[in-house]
Amino acid sequence: MDYRRKASLADVVGLRPVPVLHARCTVGEAARQIYMSGCDALIVADEEDDTILGVITSRDVVAVIAQSLDPEEVTLAQRLHPPAYRGGYQPLSEVWFG
């Protein structure tokens, strides 16, 4: 009997979970999450129902610093990129990340 496991796409390309933060969190918090996770972006979700509101990228973090703004004062809601998805917002529990 062959017990070798087939490699999944995640195994091959090294996919990992994308961090999720709430819109009230600061850009400083996002910067720490981006750094710790090794991702270049994170998902921003509504605090009440986990609806995806958009994404924040490492470039957004750099833009806050380049504009001499305080990353600990600027919230993610102020720097958010809305999703390009045209079918309406989806709760995070209904989104498939695999």
N, C-alpha and C. Protein backbone atom coordinates (compact mmCIF):
# COMPACT_ATOMS: atom_id res chain seq x y z
N MET A 1 0.84 -1.18 0.00
CA MET A 1 0.00 0.00 0.00
C MET A 1 0.89 1.25 0.00
N ASP A 2 0.54 2.21 -0.84
CA ASP A 2 1.33 3.44 -0.97
C ASP A 2 0.78 4.51 -0.02
N TYR A 3 1.61 4.93 0.94
CA TYR A 3 1.17 5.91 1.93
C TYR A 3 1.65 7.33 1.63
N ARG A 4 2.24 7.52 0.47
CA ARG A 4 2.70 8.86 0.13
C ARG A 4 1.50 9.79 -0.03
N ARG A 5 1.65 10.99 0.50
CA ARG A 5 0.59 11.98 0.43
C ARG A 5 0.81 12.87 -0.77
N LYS A 6 -0.27 13.18 -1.48
CA LYS A 6 -0.17 14.13 -2.59
C LYS A 6 0.08 15.52 -2.02
N ALA A 7 0.95 16.28 -2.65
CA ALA A 7 1.20 17.65 -2.24
C ALA A 7 0.04 18.53 -2.69
N SER A 8 -0.42 19.39 -1.79
CA SER A 8 -1.49 20.33 -2.15
C SER A 8 -0.85 21.58 -2.76
N LEU A 9 -1.69 22.40 -3.36
CA LEU A 9 -1.19 23.67 -3.90
C LEU A 9 -0.55 24.51 -2.81
N ALA A 10 -1.15 24.51 -1.62
CA ALA A 10 -0.59 25.27 -0.49
C ALA A 10 0.82 24.79 -0.14
N ASP A 11 1.04 23.47 -0.23
CA ASP A 11 2.37 22.92 0.05
C ASP A 11 3.38 23.39 -0.99
N VAL A 12 2.95 23.42 -2.23
CA VAL A 12 3.86 23.75 -3.33
C VAL A 12 4.24 25.22 -3.33
N VAL A 13 3.27 26.11 -3.19
CA VAL A 13 3.57 27.54 -3.27
C VAL A 13 3.74 28.20 -1.91
N GLY A 14 3.57 27.44 -0.84
CA GLY A 14 3.82 27.98 0.50
C GLY A 14 2.75 28.95 0.97
N LEU A 15 1.49 28.67 0.67
CA LEU A 15 0.42 29.55 1.11
C LEU A 15 0.30 29.52 2.63
N ARG A 16 -0.01 30.66 3.21
CA ARG A 16 -0.23 30.74 4.64
C ARG A 16 -1.43 31.64 4.89
N PRO A 17 -2.03 31.54 6.06
CA PRO A 17 -3.21 32.37 6.34
C PRO A 17 -2.88 33.86 6.28
N VAL A 18 -3.82 34.63 5.78
CA VAL A 18 -3.67 36.08 5.72
C VAL A 18 -4.22 36.67 7.01
N PRO A 19 -3.46 37.54 7.69
CA PRO A 19 -3.96 38.13 8.94
C PRO A 19 -5.22 38.96 8.70
N VAL A 20 -6.07 39.00 9.72
CA VAL A 20 -7.29 39.80 9.68
C VAL A 20 -7.29 40.72 10.89
N LEU A 21 -7.51 42.01 10.66
CA LEU A 21 -7.65 42.99 11.73
C LEU A 21 -8.95 43.75 11.54
N HIS A 22 -9.42 44.38 12.61
CA HIS A 22 -10.63 45.19 12.52
C HIS A 22 -10.29 46.62 12.11
N ALA A 23 -11.25 47.31 11.54
CA ALA A 23 -11.05 48.64 10.98
C ALA A 23 -10.62 49.66 12.03
N ARG A 24 -10.95 49.45 13.29
CA ARG A 24 -10.58 50.42 14.33
C ARG A 24 -9.11 50.30 14.75
N CYS A 25 -8.43 49.21 14.34
CA CYS A 25 -7.01 49.03 14.67
C CYS A 25 -6.17 50.08 13.97
N THR A 26 -4.99 50.32 14.51
CA THR A 26 -4.12 51.35 13.94
C THR A 26 -3.21 50.78 12.86
N VAL A 27 -2.65 51.66 12.07
CA VAL A 27 -1.68 51.27 11.05
C VAL A 27 -0.45 50.66 11.72
N GLY A 28 -0.10 51.14 12.90
CA GLY A 28 1.02 50.56 13.65
C GLY A 28 0.77 49.09 13.97
N GLU A 29 -0.46 48.77 14.41
CA GLU A 29 -0.81 47.38 14.68
C GLU A 29 -0.74 46.55 13.39
N ALA A 30 -1.21 47.13 12.30
CA ALA A 30 -1.15 46.43 11.01
C ALA A 30 0.29 46.17 10.60
N ALA A 31 1.16 47.15 10.80
CA ALA A 31 2.57 46.99 10.46
C ALA A 31 3.19 45.82 11.22
N ARG A 32 2.87 45.72 12.50
CA ARG A 32 3.40 44.61 13.30
C ARG A 32 2.86 43.26 12.80
N GLN A 33 1.57 43.21 12.46
CA GLN A 33 0.99 41.96 11.95
C GLN A 33 1.60 41.57 10.61
N ILE A 34 1.79 42.56 9.73
CA ILE A 34 2.40 42.29 8.43
C ILE A 34 3.82 41.75 8.61
N TYR A 35 4.57 42.37 9.50
CA TYR A 35 5.94 41.94 9.76
C TYR A 35 5.98 40.52 10.35
N MET A 36 5.16 40.28 11.37
CA MET A 36 5.18 38.98 12.06
C MET A 36 4.69 37.84 11.17
N SER A 37 3.74 38.12 10.28
CA SER A 37 3.17 37.06 9.45
C SER A 37 3.97 36.78 8.18
N GLY A 38 4.77 37.77 7.76
CA GLY A 38 5.51 37.61 6.52
C GLY A 38 4.68 37.88 5.29
N CYS A 39 3.44 38.34 5.48
CA CYS A 39 2.56 38.68 4.35
C CYS A 39 2.79 40.14 3.96
N ASP A 40 2.42 40.51 2.76
CA ASP A 40 2.55 41.88 2.32
C ASP A 40 1.26 42.67 2.47
N ALA A 41 0.21 42.01 2.95
CA ALA A 41 -1.08 42.68 3.12
C ALA A 41 -1.89 41.92 4.16
N LEU A 42 -2.95 42.56 4.62
CA LEU A 42 -3.87 41.90 5.53
C LEU A 42 -5.29 42.31 5.21
N ILE A 43 -6.22 41.52 5.68
CA ILE A 43 -7.64 41.77 5.46
C ILE A 43 -8.17 42.61 6.61
N VAL A 44 -9.01 43.57 6.27
CA VAL A 44 -9.67 44.39 7.28
C VAL A 44 -11.14 43.99 7.30
N ALA A 45 -11.62 43.64 8.49
CA ALA A 45 -13.00 43.17 8.64
C ALA A 45 -13.77 44.04 9.62
N ASP A 46 -15.07 44.06 9.46
CA ASP A 46 -15.96 44.76 10.38
C ASP A 46 -15.94 44.04 11.72
N GLU A 47 -15.91 44.79 12.79
CA GLU A 47 -15.80 44.20 14.12
C GLU A 47 -17.06 43.46 14.55
N GLU A 48 -18.21 43.92 14.08
CA GLU A 48 -19.46 43.33 14.55
C GLU A 48 -19.84 42.03 13.85
N ASP A 49 -19.68 41.99 12.52
CA ASP A 49 -20.13 40.80 11.79
C ASP A 49 -19.05 40.15 10.93
N ASP A 50 -17.81 40.59 11.07
CA ASP A 50 -16.67 40.05 10.32
C ASP A 50 -16.82 40.18 8.80
N THR A 51 -17.61 41.14 8.35
CA THR A 51 -17.70 41.41 6.92
C THR A 51 -16.38 41.99 6.45
N ILE A 52 -15.87 41.50 5.33
CA ILE A 52 -14.62 42.02 4.78
C ILE A 52 -14.86 43.42 4.23
N LEU A 53 -14.08 44.37 4.72
CA LEU A 53 -14.20 45.76 4.29
C LEU A 53 -13.17 46.14 3.24
N GLY A 54 -12.04 45.45 3.24
CA GLY A 54 -10.98 45.76 2.28
C GLY A 54 -9.65 45.20 2.73
N VAL A 55 -8.56 45.76 2.18
CA VAL A 55 -7.21 45.30 2.52
C VAL A 55 -6.32 46.50 2.82
N ILE A 56 -5.29 46.21 3.60
CA ILE A 56 -4.21 47.17 3.87
C ILE A 56 -2.92 46.48 3.44
N THR A 57 -2.09 47.19 2.70
CA THR A 57 -0.84 46.61 2.22
C THR A 57 0.36 47.23 2.93
N SER A 58 1.51 46.61 2.77
CA SER A 58 2.74 47.17 3.36
C SER A 58 3.04 48.53 2.74
N ARG A 59 2.64 48.72 1.51
CA ARG A 59 2.82 50.02 0.85
C ARG A 59 2.00 51.11 1.54
N ASP A 60 0.80 50.76 2.01
CA ASP A 60 -0.03 51.71 2.75
C ASP A 60 0.66 52.14 4.05
N VAL A 61 1.30 51.18 4.71
CA VAL A 61 2.03 51.48 5.94
C VAL A 61 3.16 52.46 5.66
N VAL A 62 3.91 52.18 4.60
CA VAL A 62 5.01 53.07 4.22
C VAL A 62 4.49 54.46 3.88
N ALA A 63 3.34 54.54 3.21
CA ALA A 63 2.76 55.84 2.84
C ALA A 63 2.42 56.66 4.08
N VAL A 64 1.91 56.04 5.12
CA VAL A 64 1.60 56.75 6.36
C VAL A 64 2.87 57.35 6.95
N ILE A 65 3.93 56.57 6.98
CA ILE A 65 5.20 57.04 7.53
C ILE A 65 5.80 58.13 6.65
N ALA A 66 5.75 57.96 5.33
CA ALA A 66 6.31 58.95 4.39
C ALA A 66 5.58 60.29 4.48
N GLN A 67 4.31 60.25 4.85
CA GLN A 67 3.53 61.48 4.99
C GLN A 67 3.65 62.09 6.38
N SER A 68 4.60 61.58 7.16
CA SER A 68 4.87 62.04 8.52
C SER A 68 3.65 61.95 9.44
N LEU A 69 2.81 60.94 9.19
CA LEU A 69 1.66 60.70 10.06
C LEU A 69 2.07 59.68 11.13
N ASP A 70 1.40 59.69 12.24
CA ASP A 70 1.70 58.77 13.33
C ASP A 70 0.96 57.45 13.11
N PRO A 71 1.66 56.35 12.84
CA PRO A 71 1.00 55.08 12.59
C PRO A 71 0.18 54.58 13.78
N GLU A 72 0.48 55.07 14.97
CA GLU A 72 -0.28 54.66 16.16
C GLU A 72 -1.56 55.48 16.33
N GLU A 73 -1.75 56.50 15.49
CA GLU A 73 -2.95 57.32 15.54
C GLU A 73 -3.88 57.10 14.35
N VAL A 74 -3.32 56.73 13.20
CA VAL A 74 -4.11 56.53 11.98
C VAL A 74 -4.75 55.14 12.03
N THR A 75 -6.06 55.09 11.82
CA THR A 75 -6.76 53.80 11.85
C THR A 75 -6.79 53.16 10.47
N LEU A 76 -7.04 51.87 10.44
CA LEU A 76 -7.13 51.16 9.18
C LEU A 76 -8.31 51.67 8.36
N ALA A 77 -9.38 52.04 9.02
CA ALA A 77 -10.56 52.56 8.32
C ALA A 77 -10.20 53.81 7.50
N GLN A 78 -9.23 54.57 7.96
CA GLN A 78 -8.82 55.79 7.25
C GLN A 78 -7.96 55.50 6.03
N ARG A 79 -7.37 54.32 5.93
CA ARG A 79 -6.45 53.99 4.84
C ARG A 79 -6.90 52.79 4.02
N LEU A 80 -8.14 52.43 4.12
CA LEU A 80 -8.66 51.19 3.57
C LEU A 80 -8.85 51.22 2.06
N HIS A 81 -8.49 50.10 1.40
CA HIS A 81 -8.82 49.88 -0.02
C HIS A 81 -10.06 49.00 -0.05
N PRO A 82 -11.18 49.49 -0.57
CA PRO A 82 -12.37 48.64 -0.62
C PRO A 82 -12.15 47.47 -1.59
N PRO A 83 -12.84 46.36 -1.36
CA PRO A 83 -12.65 45.20 -2.23
C PRO A 83 -13.15 45.47 -3.64
N ALA A 84 -12.51 44.84 -4.62
CA ALA A 84 -12.92 45.00 -6.01
C ALA A 84 -14.10 44.09 -6.34
N TYR A 85 -14.43 43.23 -5.41
CA TYR A 85 -15.54 42.30 -5.59
C TYR A 85 -16.84 43.08 -5.74
N ARG A 86 -17.57 42.87 -6.82
CA ARG A 86 -18.77 43.66 -7.12
C ARG A 86 -20.07 43.01 -6.64
N GLY A 87 -19.98 41.84 -6.07
CA GLY A 87 -21.20 41.15 -5.66
C GLY A 87 -21.67 41.52 -4.28
N GLY A 88 -21.10 42.53 -3.66
CA GLY A 88 -21.46 42.91 -2.30
C GLY A 88 -20.45 42.34 -1.31
N TYR A 89 -20.56 42.77 -0.09
CA TYR A 89 -19.64 42.32 0.95
C TYR A 89 -20.03 40.94 1.44
N GLN A 90 -19.04 40.18 1.87
CA GLN A 90 -19.27 38.82 2.37
C GLN A 90 -18.76 38.71 3.79
N PRO A 91 -19.48 37.98 4.64
CA PRO A 91 -18.94 37.69 5.96
C PRO A 91 -17.68 36.85 5.82
N LEU A 92 -16.73 37.07 6.71
CA LEU A 92 -15.46 36.36 6.65
C LEU A 92 -15.66 34.85 6.71
N SER A 93 -16.68 34.41 7.43
CA SER A 93 -16.93 32.97 7.55
C SER A 93 -17.34 32.33 6.22
N GLU A 94 -17.76 33.14 5.25
CA GLU A 94 -18.20 32.60 3.96
C GLU A 94 -17.14 32.68 2.86
N VAL A 95 -15.98 33.21 3.20
CA VAL A 95 -14.93 33.38 2.20
C VAL A 95 -14.00 32.18 2.27
N TRP A 96 -13.64 31.67 1.10
CA TRP A 96 -12.75 30.52 1.03
C TRP A 96 -11.36 31.00 0.67
N PHE A 97 -10.37 30.69 1.48
CA PHE A 97 -9.00 31.13 1.27
C PHE A 97 -8.10 29.97 0.89
N GLY A 98 -8.51 29.03 0.12
CA GLY A 98 -7.64 27.92 -0.16
C GLY A 98 -7.52 27.67 -1.58
